[in-house]
Protein backbone atom coordinates (compact mmCIF):
# COMPACT_ATOMS: atom_id res chain seq x y z
CA MET A 1 131.12 94.72 30.65
CA SER A 2 132.76 96.25 33.56
CA GLU A 3 134.90 99.50 33.32
CA LEU A 4 138.20 97.01 34.14
CA ASP A 5 137.14 94.59 31.51
CA GLN A 6 136.62 97.37 28.70
CA ILE A 7 140.18 98.38 29.73
CA LEU A 8 141.79 95.02 29.45
CA SER A 9 140.24 94.67 26.16
CA ASP A 10 141.43 97.77 24.79
CA TRP A 11 144.87 97.31 26.36
CA HIS A 12 144.87 93.79 24.45
CA GLU A 13 144.27 95.22 21.52
CA TRP A 14 146.56 98.12 21.98
CA SER A 15 149.40 95.58 22.81
CA GLN A 16 149.31 93.81 19.55
CA ALA A 17 151.81 94.74 16.53
CA TYR A 18 149.34 96.20 14.48
CA LYS A 19 148.08 99.54 15.53
CA PRO A 20 145.46 101.18 13.73
CA ALA A 21 145.56 105.05 13.96
CA ARG A 22 143.23 107.97 14.03
CA GLY A 23 144.04 110.90 11.85
CA PHE A 24 146.95 111.49 9.14
CA LYS A 25 150.60 110.16 9.73
CA ASN A 26 152.62 112.53 11.42
CA ARG A 27 155.76 111.72 9.81
CA ALA A 28 156.37 112.77 6.17
CA LEU A 29 158.02 109.71 4.25
CA VAL A 30 159.94 111.76 1.99
CA VAL A 31 161.89 114.14 4.50
CA GLY A 32 162.29 111.47 7.37
CA ASP A 33 161.93 112.90 10.91
CA TYR A 34 160.19 116.01 9.99
CA LEU A 35 157.00 116.22 12.12
CA ILE A 36 153.91 118.14 10.83
CA SER A 37 151.82 120.45 13.46
CA ARG A 38 149.47 119.28 15.53
CA GLN A 39 147.72 122.52 15.46
CA TYR A 40 144.63 121.74 13.29
CA ASP A 41 145.01 117.66 14.03
CA SER A 42 142.20 117.53 16.62
CA ASP A 43 139.39 117.24 13.97
CA ASN A 44 141.06 114.00 12.89
CA GLY A 45 141.39 112.27 16.42
CA ALA A 46 145.06 112.88 16.71
CA LEU A 47 145.03 114.04 20.05
CA ASP A 48 142.55 111.30 21.25
CA GLN A 49 144.76 108.96 19.95
CA GLU A 50 147.58 110.29 22.01
CA LEU A 51 145.69 110.14 25.18
CA ASP A 52 144.36 106.50 24.65
CA ASN A 53 148.18 105.58 23.98
CA LYS A 54 149.01 107.38 27.20
CA THR A 55 146.59 105.58 29.17
CA MET A 56 147.40 102.29 27.82
CA GLU A 57 151.20 103.03 28.24
CA THR A 58 150.08 103.36 31.91
CA VAL A 59 147.75 100.30 31.90
CA ASP A 60 151.02 98.54 30.21
CA PHE A 61 153.47 99.36 33.08
CA GLN A 62 150.96 98.87 35.91
CA ILE A 63 150.31 95.00 34.59
CA SER A 64 154.14 94.62 33.78
CA GLU A 65 154.83 95.35 37.41
CA LEU A 66 152.47 92.31 38.77
CA GLN A 67 154.38 89.45 39.80
CA GLU A 68 153.45 85.81 38.35
CA PRO A 69 151.16 84.13 38.58
CA HIS A 70 149.16 87.29 38.56
CA ARG A 71 150.74 89.03 35.50
CA SER A 72 150.24 86.00 33.29
CA ALA A 73 146.62 85.58 34.85
CA ILE A 74 145.58 89.30 33.76
CA HIS A 75 147.29 88.64 30.13
CA CYS A 76 145.29 85.42 29.66
CA GLU A 77 142.26 87.26 31.11
CA ALA A 78 142.56 90.32 28.67
CA LYS A 79 142.98 87.99 25.72
CA ASN A 80 139.60 86.13 26.63
CA ILE A 81 137.59 89.37 27.21
CA HIS A 82 138.78 90.91 23.83
CA ALA A 83 137.77 87.22 22.06
CA GLY A 84 134.48 87.41 24.05
CA ASN A 85 134.78 83.70 25.11
CA GLU A 86 136.74 81.79 27.74
CA VAL A 87 139.30 79.79 25.03
CA PHE A 88 142.72 80.90 26.31
CA ILE A 89 144.46 79.36 29.30
CA SER A 90 148.08 79.94 30.39
CA PRO A 91 150.30 76.71 31.62
CA ARG A 92 151.28 79.48 34.08
CA LEU A 93 148.14 79.29 35.89
CA PRO A 94 146.48 76.15 38.18
CA ALA A 95 144.76 73.40 36.01
CA SER A 96 141.82 73.63 38.40
CA LYS A 97 138.96 76.06 37.03
CA GLY A 98 138.29 77.11 40.53
CA GLU A 99 141.80 77.53 41.38
CA ARG A 100 142.36 79.58 38.20
CA ASP A 101 139.38 81.70 38.69
CA ALA A 102 140.62 82.77 42.37
CA VAL A 103 143.94 83.63 40.80
CA ILE A 104 142.43 85.63 38.48
CA GLY A 105 139.81 87.29 40.69
CA MET A 106 143.17 88.29 43.07
CA ALA A 107 145.08 89.38 40.06
CA LYS A 108 142.18 91.86 38.98
CA ARG A 109 141.52 93.43 42.40
CA MET A 110 145.49 94.02 42.61
CA LEU A 111 145.19 95.57 39.07
CA VAL A 112 142.25 97.59 40.14
CA GLY A 113 144.33 99.12 43.14
CA ARG A 114 147.34 99.97 40.86
CA LEU A 115 144.94 101.49 38.13
CA GLN A 116 143.33 103.59 40.63
CA SER A 117 146.68 104.90 42.24
CA ALA A 118 147.51 105.50 38.77
CA GLY A 119 144.34 107.53 37.85
CA VAL A 120 143.24 105.44 35.11
CA LEU A 121 140.24 103.95 37.30
């Protein structure tokens, strides 16, 4: 799996509604907005989680800046990579597999350039 494919798979999982978290919850339910200190939270992975979130926010922004049909192609490709099989197709993409693959390839090249300039790749 290429580095871009891994990023797309991670981004797809990150963009879903349920977000598993590493470490302890940083908000106490009883006192509302009180935030606990992160001074000793590096052992629990909270700092790694924050870095992953910032990276995925950058990837999300770069994908959202793509124009159609390239944005739809990336969304569809990320779902397929995450599923491990080519099962999802978008009605916004060409029906022909050859044309669809060409659009997906162009979208991935465009995204690589954007992610390189953003410092993700």
